Amino acid sequence: MWWSRKPFSRRSGSGPTEEASSLSLAVSGPRKQISRWWREAVLGRLRVIRCIPQGGLKLAFALLAVNILLGLLPVAFIVAMSTVIGKVPDAVAGGGDSSATNTLTRFFLLAAAIFILQEVLTPVQTLLGELMSRRIDGHLQSNLIAVALRSEGIGPIEDPAALDALDEVSRYFERRMDTPGAACAGMLALVARYLRLIGLLALITMVSHLWLAVALGSAVITFRIGQRGGLRIFIRIFDKVNPVFRRTRYLREVAMGPRDAKELRIFGLTAWFSEQYAASYSAAERQVVRERRRVYLWPYLGYTAVGLASTSLVYVFLANDAVEGRISLAELAIGLQAAAGAVLLGSQYPEADTQTLVGIRAFEALETFERRIAEVERSVSSVSSRQAMNTTPNLRRNVCFENVSFSYPGSNRLVLDHLNLELPAGVCTAVVGLNGAGKTTLVKILTGLYEPIAGRITLDGTDMRALDIDTRRRLVSVVFQDFVRYQMSVADNVAFGAVHKEKDMAAVRDAIQRVGLLDFLDALPHGFDTVLSRSYESGVELSGGQWQRIAIARSLYALDKGAQLLILDEPTSALDVRAESAFFDSFVEMTRGVTSVLISHRFSSVRRADRIVVIDGGHVVEQGTHDELMSMGGDYARLFNLQAERFARGLTAEGEIDSARFGGAQ
């Protein structure tokens, strides 16, 4: 900001510079506080108010009307009951048929009706507030998902700053309290609080002195400002302990989740995780309790003293006026109840304040996520612009990488450095390389998940960036090493390979048969409608190898529906050696004539490829057939021989090669 600029500094002498620095700090401190107050107190509330209509205008007006009534009814109740108290002496003196008794009865019935109406409206207020909160939260979560999914690539959602903001806003939604929706409901709840305060102070003004009402109102507002300030500080405390809480959540998820249950028990880690969770949780709670004591203890003792002094002052003046006959018994009762109600009201604000302030913080995290996503998207769009060419080309000659360079956002290291690579049509090309060579990065760029910072990728001479992103993605079918295990039916898991086409059960069945799972899946209780998760009734869980076959079937289904380039990223990492060999033999046959890219560290797989490319340092260092590369005596030959030597010693496929150097994905 302009007030944060460094003061002018001269090279000779330090005095003027130090004075300027001190003056700058003195000035910037209050300005920063004002800026923070403006951002939180004004802009934050405007943000909440603008979001209220998303819960429905009818619902918003209904909740507003209920809050207005709940703000005014307590004031009316005080007036009615005080009138009853004031009429008691006259009613006793006049008897049961006197006008005083009739007046007392009418106001008593009025007070009873007001009380009953309050009791009826209070749960209605809660119900309407929760309904508004759920509606707004549902709308915002839909927007959050839309923002996370709108990016054509994955760069924005891998950005650390965006992930931090997403993690924070997700926690608010997961707790289902103090959410943005709750902030909107809390903002409307404050209407009732303020109306009641104004009404009570007006009653004190009517029966006594204006300056008493001003003094008491000032005490209540002071109490409220102090509460809000303490709450703001307390909320910011969680920023400091978030890393500890994040570790606590991780330990809890590992200890209680079914995925890691076997390993924790086999290695005897259950007691360790339990102790670590308890220690981590205690560490976080100690920090919170210590800061809470510092923020709330002594300041609140001061606020309580101010409240007691203000109430006592009002009581003394009211009692004095009553003794001297300046006010009636009814007016005395009104003043006493109004003063007590106003002071006690100060302790009722935090309920709504917590909703609004924490909810505003959730809004800020949501906006931070959206802003960061937009910033990364702009940086990506500055590298590449896509035209609206949505005609589907036919791959006839090749896909070419022409001087392609790429580095991940926030890094200056080139993962791909002027890479030149041809993927001939109808040919199976294997890509191998050392750990960090850029094999998986190559796949991400080829599929449009990232765009190169230099160079281009062409399809039969056409720059693929000129293609509509949906058209480009439909040309490609990919099996990633960390493929998704959808907790949905078998048919959906396969048909997701071409969601732009109507589900074709015959093609689904054919793809499953080609990967060798037809008999197994046909035997399931619900066949292809069986949900692949034990979390659902009648659902089943597959083994790692079976899941991998499902993922491959999904890609084969995509090929059947028009995809022209098949990419397999470590396609057989979950299969044993014999299953891998059998699969790849059948894979070569069923994809004959299909342009395919195979990324693997297992040489027993890549030797069957039509063409093998070795990547090192972000560019191609060797390429050719298996026999050609072996005759060259380079890295490929050396590592292949190392694998063969280990097989000769009887080692399993998992130890077949120096996978620490050769199996990782960048």
Foldseek 3Di string as FASTA:
>chain_A
DVLPDQDDDDPPDCVVNVVSVVVSVVVVVVVVVVVVCCVQVPVLVVVLVVLQCLLPPVLSVVLLVLLLLLLCLVLLLLLLVLLLVQLVVVCVVVDCPDPSNVSNVVSVVVNVVSVVVNVVSVVVSVVSLLSQLVSSLVVLVVVLVCLCPVDLANQLVVDVQLVVLVVVLVVQVVVSALASSLLSSLVSNVSSLVSNLVSLLVLLVVLANNVLSVLLLVLLVVLLVLVLVLVLVLVVLCVVLVVLVVVLVVLVCCQPPPVNVVVCVVVVVNVVSVVVNVVSVVVSVVSSVVSNCVSPPVVVVVSVVSLVVSLVVQLVRLVVCVVVPVGGSSSSSSSNVSSVVNSVSSVVSVVSSSSNSSNSVSVVSSVSSSVSSVVVSVVQVVQDPEAEAADADDQDFWKWFAQFWADRPPDPATLAGGATDIQTFQFEEEEWEWASLAPVVVVSCQLSNGDTSDTAIDRVNHGLSHYDSVSSNLQEFEDAPPDDDDQFFLQCLQQVLCVVDDRDVVLLLVLLVLLPCNVVQCPQPVRRRAGQDPVDVSHHHDDPQVSLSSSSSSRSSSVVVNHQEYEYAQSCPPPWPVSLLVSLVSVCVVCRRGRYYYYHLQPSRNLPGQKYFYGGSNYTDDMGHPVVVCVVVDPVVVFVVQLVVVVVVVDTSVPSGPCNTIVHHD
